[in-house]
Amino acid sequence: GLTGQIRYRVADRNLYAYLFGVNNPFAHV
């Protein structure tokens, strides 16, 4: 079993992928 955290943020240089390219980007990542 593994425990831990990740830090993430939206890439402002690839907003197209986040808004229109991927249906649920957080689930994909």
PDB file of all heavy atoms in Angstrom:
ATOM      1  N   GLY A   1       0.823  -1.204   0.000  1.00  0.00           N
ATOM      2  CA  GLY A   1       0.000   0.000   0.000  1.00  0.00           C
ATOM      3  C   GLY A   1       0.859   1.256   0.000  1.00  0.00           C
ATOM      4  O   GLY A   1       1.831   1.354   0.754  1.00  0.00           O
ATOM      5  N   LEU A   2       0.501   2.213  -0.829  1.00  0.00           N
ATOM      6  CA  LEU A   2       1.258   3.461  -0.968  1.00  0.00           C
ATOM      7  C   LEU A   2       0.393   4.633  -0.528  1.00  0.00           C
ATOM      8  O   LEU A   2      -0.793   4.693  -0.836  1.00  0.00           O
ATOM      9  CB  LEU A   2       1.694   3.671  -2.412  1.00  0.00           C
ATOM     10  CG  LEU A   2       2.466   2.524  -3.075  1.00  0.00           C
ATOM     11  CD1 LEU A   2       2.682   2.822  -4.544  1.00  0.00           C
ATOM     12  CD2 LEU A   2       3.791   2.304  -2.381  1.00  0.00           C
ATOM     13  N   THR A   3       1.005   5.543   0.187  1.00  0.00           N
ATOM     14  CA  THR A   3       0.318   6.769   0.607  1.00  0.00           C
ATOM     15  C   THR A   3       1.178   7.970   0.229  1.00  0.00           C
ATOM     16  O   THR A   3       2.413   7.882   0.203  1.00  0.00           O
ATOM     17  CB  THR A   3       0.060   6.788   2.123  1.00  0.00           C
ATOM     18  OG1 THR A   3       1.309   6.610   2.818  1.00  0.00           O
ATOM     19  CG2 THR A   3      -0.902   5.679   2.519  1.00  0.00           C
ATOM     20  N   GLY A   4       0.527   9.066  -0.059  1.00  0.00           N
ATOM     21  CA  GLY A   4       1.248  10.274  -0.422  1.00  0.00           C
ATOM     22  C   GLY A   4       0.336  11.274  -1.105  1.00  0.00           C
ATOM     23  O   GLY A   4      -0.882  11.074  -1.208  1.00  0.00           O
ATOM     24  N   GLN A   5       0.918  12.344  -1.586  1.00  0.00           N
ATOM     25  CA  GLN A   5       0.164  13.420  -2.224  1.00  0.00           C
ATOM     26  C   GLN A   5       0.872  13.863  -3.495  1.00  0.00           C
ATOM     27  O   GLN A   5       2.068  13.603  -3.683  1.00  0.00           O
ATOM     28  CB  GLN A   5       0.012  14.620  -1.286  1.00  0.00           C
ATOM     29  CG  GLN A   5      -0.939  14.396  -0.120  1.00  0.00           C
ATOM     30  CD  GLN A   5      -1.143  15.658   0.684  1.00  0.00           C
ATOM     31  OE1 GLN A   5      -0.303  16.547   0.715  1.00  0.00           O
ATOM     32  NE2 GLN A   5      -2.288  15.762   1.350  1.00  0.00           N
ATOM     33  N   ILE A   6       0.125  14.548  -4.345  1.00  0.00           N
ATOM     34  CA  ILE A   6       0.688  15.175  -5.534  1.00  0.00           C
ATOM     35  C   ILE A   6       0.236  16.627  -5.589  1.00  0.00           C
ATOM     36  O   ILE A   6      -0.828  16.972  -5.077  1.00  0.00           O
ATOM     37  CB  ILE A   6       0.274  14.451  -6.834  1.00  0.00           C
ATOM     38  CG1 ILE A   6      -1.251  14.498  -7.012  1.00  0.00           C
ATOM     39  CG2 ILE A   6       0.764  13.017  -6.847  1.00  0.00           C
ATOM     40  CD1 ILE A   6      -1.714  13.991  -8.361  1.00  0.00           C
ATOM     41  N   ARG A   7       1.090  17.471  -6.161  1.00  0.00           N
ATOM     42  CA  ARG A   7       0.743  18.873  -6.401  1.00  0.00           C
ATOM     43  C   ARG A   7       0.566  19.063  -7.899  1.00  0.00           C
ATOM     44  O   ARG A   7       1.389  18.581  -8.687  1.00  0.00           O
ATOM     45  CB  ARG A   7       1.826  19.804  -5.863  1.00  0.00           C
ATOM     46  CG  ARG A   7       1.944  19.828  -4.361  1.00  0.00           C
ATOM     47  CD  ARG A   7       2.602  21.132  -3.888  1.00  0.00           C
ATOM     48  NE  ARG A   7       3.834  21.414  -4.610  1.00  0.00           N
ATOM     49  CZ  ARG A   7       5.047  21.077  -4.169  1.00  0.00           C
ATOM     50  NH1 ARG A   7       5.169  20.427  -3.032  1.00  0.00           N
ATOM     51  NH2 ARG A   7       6.119  21.383  -4.881  1.00  0.00           N
ATOM     52  N   TYR A   8      -0.465  19.794  -8.275  1.00  0.00           N
ATOM     53  CA  TYR A   8      -0.758  19.973  -9.695  1.00  0.00           C
ATOM     54  C   TYR A   8      -1.336  21.367  -9.928  1.00  0.00           C
ATOM     55  O   TYR A   8      -1.780  22.052  -8.995  1.00  0.00           O
ATOM     56  CB  TYR A   8      -1.765  18.913 -10.166  1.00  0.00           C
ATOM     57  CG  TYR A   8      -3.132  19.049  -9.525  1.00  0.00           C
ATOM     58  CD1 TYR A   8      -4.144  19.775 -10.135  1.00  0.00           C
ATOM     59  CD2 TYR A   8      -3.397  18.479  -8.286  1.00  0.00           C
ATOM     60  CE1 TYR A   8      -5.387  19.923  -9.540  1.00  0.00           C
ATOM     61  CE2 TYR A   8      -4.629  18.619  -7.677  1.00  0.00           C
ATOM     62  CZ  TYR A   8      -5.621  19.343  -8.310  1.00  0.00           C
ATOM     63  OH  TYR A   8      -6.851  19.490  -7.708  1.00  0.00           O
ATOM     64  N   ARG A   9      -1.313  21.781 -11.181  1.00  0.00           N
ATOM     65  CA  ARG A   9      -1.920  23.046 -11.587  1.00  0.00           C
ATOM     66  C   ARG A   9      -2.223  22.970 -13.085  1.00  0.00           C
ATOM     67  O   ARG A   9      -1.632  22.162 -13.809  1.00  0.00           O
ATOM     68  CB  ARG A   9      -0.998  24.233 -11.297  1.00  0.00           C
ATOM     69  CG  ARG A   9       0.351  24.145 -11.981  1.00  0.00           C
ATOM     70  CD  ARG A   9       1.241  25.319 -11.614  1.00  0.00           C
ATOM     71  NE  ARG A   9       2.576  25.155 -12.148  1.00  0.00           N
ATOM     72  CZ  ARG A   9       2.943  25.469 -13.384  1.00  0.00           C
ATOM     73  NH1 ARG A   9       2.030  25.982 -14.226  1.00  0.00           N
ATOM     74  NH2 ARG A   9       4.180  25.307 -13.800  1.00  0.00           N
ATOM     75  N   VAL A  10      -3.118  23.823 -13.526  1.00  0.00           N
ATOM     76  CA  VAL A  10      -3.479  23.870 -14.938  1.00  0.00           C
ATOM     77  C   VAL A  10      -2.344  24.530 -15.720  1.00  0.00           C
ATOM     78  O   VAL A  10      -1.786  25.551 -15.287  1.00  0.00           O
ATOM     79  CB  VAL A  10      -4.796  24.636 -15.135  1.00  0.00           C
ATOM     80  CG1 VAL A  10      -5.111  24.777 -16.622  1.00  0.00           C
ATOM     81  CG2 VAL A  10      -5.930  23.933 -14.410  1.00  0.00           C
ATOM     82  N   ALA A  11      -1.987  23.939 -16.851  1.00  0.00           N
ATOM     83  CA  ALA A  11      -0.917  24.484 -17.688  1.00  0.00           C
ATOM     84  C   ALA A  11      -1.489  25.597 -18.560  1.00  0.00           C
ATOM     85  O   ALA A  11      -2.253  25.337 -19.493  1.00  0.00           O
ATOM     86  CB  ALA A  11      -0.306  23.383 -18.554  1.00  0.00           C
ATOM     87  N   ASP A  12      -1.139  26.855 -18.246  1.00  0.00           N
ATOM     88  CA  ASP A  12      -1.683  27.975 -19.017  1.00  0.00           C
ATOM     89  C   ASP A  12      -1.120  28.033 -20.432  1.00  0.00           C
ATOM     90  O   ASP A  12      -1.593  28.814 -21.260  1.00  0.00           O
ATOM     91  CB  ASP A  12      -1.434  29.296 -18.290  1.00  0.00           C
ATOM     92  CG  ASP A  12       0.037  29.499 -17.948  1.00  0.00           C
ATOM     93  OD1 ASP A  12       0.860  28.614 -18.284  1.00  0.00           O
ATOM     94  OD2 ASP A  12       0.373  30.545 -17.339  1.00  0.00           O
ATOM     95  N   ARG A  13      -0.099  27.206 -20.735  1.00  0.00           N
ATOM     96  CA  ARG A  13       0.458  27.156 -22.090  1.00  0.00           C
ATOM     97  C   ARG A  13      -0.197  26.071 -22.927  1.00  0.00           C
ATOM     98  O   ARG A  13       0.166  25.888 -24.079  1.00  0.00           O
ATOM     99  CB  ARG A  13       1.972  26.943 -22.017  1.00  0.00           C
ATOM    100  CG  ARG A  13       2.686  28.093 -21.324  1.00  0.00           C
ATOM    101  CD  ARG A  13       4.113  27.779 -20.995  1.00  0.00           C
ATOM    102  NE  ARG A  13       4.909  27.541 -22.182  1.00  0.00           N
ATOM    103  CZ  ARG A  13       6.224  27.278 -22.143  1.00  0.00           C
ATOM    104  NH1 ARG A  13       6.844  27.217 -20.978  1.00  0.00           N
ATOM    105  NH2 ARG A  13       6.887  27.081 -23.259  1.00  0.00           N
ATOM    106  N   ASN A  14      -1.136  25.341 -22.340  1.00  0.00           N
ATOM    107  CA  ASN A  14      -1.863  24.323 -23.099  1.00  0.00           C
ATOM    108  C   ASN A  14      -3.311  24.278 -22.620  1.00  0.00           C
ATOM    109  O   ASN A  14      -3.834  23.222 -22.250  1.00  0.00           O
ATOM    110  CB  ASN A  14      -1.191  22.955 -22.944  1.00  0.00           C
ATOM    111  CG  ASN A  14      -1.698  21.946 -23.947  1.00  0.00           C
ATOM    112  OD1 ASN A  14      -2.394  22.285 -24.910  1.00  0.00           O
ATOM    113  ND2 ASN A  14      -1.370  20.677 -23.729  1.00  0.00           N
ATOM    114  N   LEU A  15      -3.964  25.428 -22.622  1.00  0.00           N
ATOM    115  CA  LEU A  15      -5.348  25.499 -22.163  1.00  0.00           C
ATOM    116  C   LEU A  15      -6.305  24.798 -23.114  1.00  0.00           C
ATOM    117  O   LEU A  15      -7.392  24.376 -22.707  1.00  0.00           O
ATOM    118  CB  LEU A  15      -5.769  26.966 -21.985  1.00  0.00           C
ATOM    119  CG  LEU A  15      -5.154  27.697 -20.784  1.00  0.00           C
ATOM    120  CD1 LEU A  15      -5.647  29.132 -20.747  1.00  0.00           C
ATOM    121  CD2 LEU A  15      -5.500  26.978 -19.490  1.00  0.00           C
ATOM    122  N   TYR A  16      -5.928  24.670 -24.376  1.00  0.00           N
ATOM    123  CA  TYR A  16      -6.824  24.001 -25.320  1.00  0.00           C
ATOM    124  C   TYR A  16      -7.046  22.549 -24.901  1.00  0.00           C
ATOM    125  O   TYR A  16      -8.172  22.049 -24.931  1.00  0.00           O
ATOM    126  CB  TYR A  16      -6.249  24.063 -26.734  1.00  0.00           C
ATOM    127  CG  TYR A  16      -7.206  23.547 -27.787  1.00  0.00           C
ATOM    128  CD1 TYR A  16      -8.051  24.415 -28.472  1.00  0.00           C
ATOM    129  CD2 TYR A  16      -7.283  22.188 -28.098  1.00  0.00           C
ATOM    130  CE1 TYR A  16      -8.944  23.953 -29.426  1.00  0.00           C
ATOM    131  CE2 TYR A  16      -8.164  21.710 -29.047  1.00  0.00           C
ATOM    132  CZ  TYR A  16      -8.996  22.589 -29.707  1.00  0.00           C
ATOM    133  OH  TYR A  16      -9.879  22.115 -30.649  1.00  0.00           O
ATOM    134  N   ALA A  17      -5.945  21.848 -24.512  1.00  0.00           N
ATOM    135  CA  ALA A  17      -6.084  20.453 -24.095  1.00  0.00           C
ATOM    136  C   ALA A  17      -6.959  20.352 -22.847  1.00  0.00           C
ATOM    137  O   ALA A  17      -7.792  19.451 -22.730  1.00  0.00           O
ATOM    138  CB  ALA A  17      -4.707  19.847 -23.840  1.00  0.00           C
ATOM    139  N   TYR A  18      -6.779  21.286 -21.906  1.00  0.00           N
ATOM    140  CA  TYR A  18      -7.547  21.229 -20.661  1.00  0.00           C
ATOM    141  C   TYR A  18      -9.017  21.537 -20.881  1.00  0.00           C
ATOM    142  O   TYR A  18      -9.897  20.875 -20.295  1.00  0.00           O
ATOM    143  CB  TYR A  18      -6.942  22.204 -19.654  1.00  0.00           C
ATOM    144  CG  TYR A  18      -7.645  22.189 -18.314  1.00  0.00           C
ATOM    145  CD1 TYR A  18      -7.352  21.210 -17.374  1.00  0.00           C
ATOM    146  CD2 TYR A  18      -8.597  23.151 -17.991  1.00  0.00           C
ATOM    147  CE1 TYR A  18      -8.002  21.188 -16.144  1.00  0.00           C
ATOM    148  CE2 TYR A  18      -9.240  23.136 -16.773  1.00  0.00           C
ATOM    149  CZ  TYR A  18      -8.947  22.147 -15.850  1.00  0.00           C
ATOM    150  OH  TYR A  18      -9.589  22.129 -14.642  1.00  0.00           O
ATOM    151  N   LEU A  19      -9.322  22.503 -21.734  1.00  0.00           N
ATOM    152  CA  LEU A  19     -10.714  22.937 -21.910  1.00  0.00           C
ATOM    153  C   LEU A  19     -11.463  22.148 -22.977  1.00  0.00           C
ATOM    154  O   LEU A  19     -12.649  21.842 -22.807  1.00  0.00           O
ATOM    155  CB  LEU A  19     -10.747  24.427 -22.264  1.00  0.00           C
ATOM    156  CG  LEU A  19     -10.307  25.395 -21.157  1.00  0.00           C
ATOM    157  CD1 LEU A  19     -10.200  26.805 -21.702  1.00  0.00           C
ATOM    158  CD2 LEU A  19     -11.266  25.348 -19.980  1.00  0.00           C
ATOM    159  N   PHE A  20     -10.770  21.811 -24.060  1.00  0.00           N
ATOM    160  CA  PHE A  20     -11.488  21.241 -25.206  1.00  0.00           C
ATOM    161  C   PHE A  20     -10.935  19.889 -25.674  1.00  0.00           C
ATOM    162  O   PHE A  20     -11.654  19.137 -26.316  1.00  0.00           O
ATOM    163  CB  PHE A  20     -11.444  22.226 -26.394  1.00  0.00           C
ATOM    164  CG  PHE A  20     -11.763  23.638 -26.022  1.00  0.00           C
ATOM    165  CD1 PHE A  20     -10.775  24.607 -26.028  1.00  0.00           C
ATOM    166  CD2 PHE A  20     -13.046  23.999 -25.651  1.00  0.00           C
ATOM    167  CE1 PHE A  20     -11.068  25.916 -25.695  1.00  0.00           C
ATOM    168  CE2 PHE A  20     -13.349  25.305 -25.311  1.00  0.00           C
ATOM    169  CZ  PHE A  20     -12.350  26.272 -25.327  1.00  0.00           C
ATOM    170  N   GLY A  21      -9.668  19.595 -25.371  1.00  0.00           N
ATOM    171  CA  GLY A  21      -9.058  18.395 -25.931  1.00  0.00           C
ATOM    172  C   GLY A  21      -9.349  17.132 -25.158  1.00  0.00           C
ATOM    173  O   GLY A  21      -9.415  16.042 -25.736  1.00  0.00           O
ATOM    174  N   VAL A  22      -9.494  17.232 -23.833  1.00  0.00           N
ATOM    175  CA  VAL A  22      -9.684  16.064 -22.974  1.00  0.00           C
ATOM    176  C   VAL A  22     -10.985  16.250 -22.214  1.00  0.00           C
ATOM    177  O   VAL A  22     -11.260  17.346 -21.682  1.00  0.00           O
ATOM    178  CB  VAL A  22      -8.500  15.890 -22.000  1.00  0.00           C
ATOM    179  CG1 VAL A  22      -8.679  14.647 -21.150  1.00  0.00           C
ATOM    180  CG2 VAL A  22      -7.178  15.811 -22.769  1.00  0.00           C
ATOM    181  N   ASN A  23     -11.780  15.186 -22.128  1.00  0.00           N
ATOM    182  CA  ASN A  23     -13.084  15.265 -21.480  1.00  0.00           C
ATOM    183  C   ASN A  23     -12.947  15.539 -19.990  1.00  0.00           C
ATOM    184  O   ASN A  23     -13.623  16.413 -19.437  1.00  0.00           O
ATOM    185  CB  ASN A  23     -13.860  13.972 -21.715  1.00  0.00           C
ATOM    186  CG  ASN A  23     -15.274  14.049 -21.163  1.00  0.00           C
ATOM    187  OD1 ASN A  23     -15.848  15.131 -21.079  1.00  0.00           O
ATOM    188  ND2 ASN A  23     -15.839  12.913 -20.806  1.00  0.00           N
ATOM    189  N   ASN A  24     -12.070  14.777 -19.320  1.00  0.00           N
ATOM    190  CA  ASN A  24     -11.847  14.949 -17.887  1.00  0.00           C
ATOM    191  C   ASN A  24     -10.341  14.923 -17.649  1.00  0.00           C
ATOM    192  O   ASN A  24      -9.767  13.881 -17.346  1.00  0.00           O
ATOM    193  CB  ASN A  24     -12.545  13.846 -17.086  1.00  0.00           C
ATOM    194  CG  ASN A  24     -12.543  14.135 -15.588  1.00  0.00           C
ATOM    195  OD1 ASN A  24     -11.784  14.978 -15.103  1.00  0.00           O
ATOM    196  ND2 ASN A  24     -13.385  13.427 -14.857  1.00  0.00           N
ATOM    197  N   PRO A  25      -9.653  16.058 -17.818  1.00  0.00           N
ATOM    198  CA  PRO A  25      -8.194  16.050 -17.771  1.00  0.00           C
ATOM    199  C   PRO A  25      -7.624  15.586 -16.443  1.00  0.00           C
ATOM    200  O   PRO A  25      -6.601  14.900 -16.407  1.00  0.00           O
ATOM    201  CB  PRO A  25      -7.822  17.516 -18.064  1.00  0.00           C
ATOM    202  CG  PRO A  25      -9.072  18.295 -17.933  1.00  0.00           C
ATOM    203  CD  PRO A  25     -10.209  17.373 -18.122  1.00  0.00           C
ATOM    204  N   PHE A  26      -8.260  15.929 -15.320  1.00  0.00           N
ATOM    205  CA  PHE A  26      -7.714  15.526 -14.023  1.00  0.00           C
ATOM    206  C   PHE A  26      -7.772  14.004 -13.863  1.00  0.00           C
ATOM    207  O   PHE A  26      -6.843  13.392 -13.341  1.00  0.00           O
ATOM    208  CB  PHE A  26      -8.483  16.206 -12.893  1.00  0.00           C
ATOM    209  CG  PHE A  26      -7.906  15.920 -11.527  1.00  0.00           C
ATOM    210  CD1 PHE A  26      -6.646  16.354 -11.190  1.00  0.00           C
ATOM    211  CD2 PHE A  26      -8.632  15.194 -10.595  1.00  0.00           C
ATOM    212  CE1 PHE A  26      -6.107  16.085  -9.938  1.00  0.00           C
ATOM    213  CE2 PHE A  26      -8.114  14.914  -9.346  1.00  0.00           C
ATOM    214  CZ  PHE A  26      -6.845  15.366  -9.019  1.00  0.00           C
ATOM    215  N   ALA A  27      -8.854  13.380 -14.335  1.00  0.00           N
ATOM    216  CA  ALA A  27      -8.948  11.923 -14.265  1.00  0.00           C
ATOM    217  C   ALA A  27      -7.884  11.272 -15.149  1.00  0.00           C
ATOM    218  O   ALA A  27      -7.277  10.253 -14.768  1.00  0.00           O
ATOM    219  CB  ALA A  27     -10.342  11.464 -14.687  1.00  0.00           C
ATOM    220  N   HIS A  28      -7.639  11.856 -16.313  1.00  0.00           N
ATOM    221  CA  HIS A  28      -6.619  11.313 -17.208  1.00  0.00           C
ATOM    222  C   HIS A  28      -5.229  11.410 -16.576  1.00  0.00           C
ATOM    223  O   HIS A  28      -4.446  10.463 -16.631  1.00  0.00           O
ATOM    224  CB  HIS A  28      -6.642  12.050 -18.549  1.00  0.00           C
ATOM    225  CG  HIS A  28      -7.689  11.552 -19.489  1.00  0.00           C
ATOM    226  ND1 HIS A  28      -9.027  11.842 -19.337  1.00  0.00           N
ATOM    227  CD2 HIS A  28      -7.601  10.769 -20.597  1.00  0.00           C
ATOM    228  CE1 HIS A  28      -9.720  11.276 -20.315  1.00  0.00           C
ATOM    229  NE2 HIS A  28      -8.879  10.614 -21.093  1.00  0.00           N
ATOM    230  N   VAL A  29      -4.923  12.564 -15.998  1.00  0.00           N
ATOM    231  CA  VAL A  29      -3.580  12.742 -15.451  1.00  0.00           C
ATOM    232  C   VAL A  29      -3.379  11.882 -14.205  1.00  0.00           C
ATOM    233  O   VAL A  29      -2.282  11.368 -13.953  1.00  0.00           O
ATOM    234  CB  VAL A  29      -3.309  14.234 -15.152  1.00  0.00           C
ATOM    235  CG1 VAL A  29      -3.967  14.686 -13.862  1.00  0.00           C
ATOM    236  CG2 VAL A  29      -1.815  14.505 -15.094  1.00  0.00           C
TER     237      VAL A  29
END
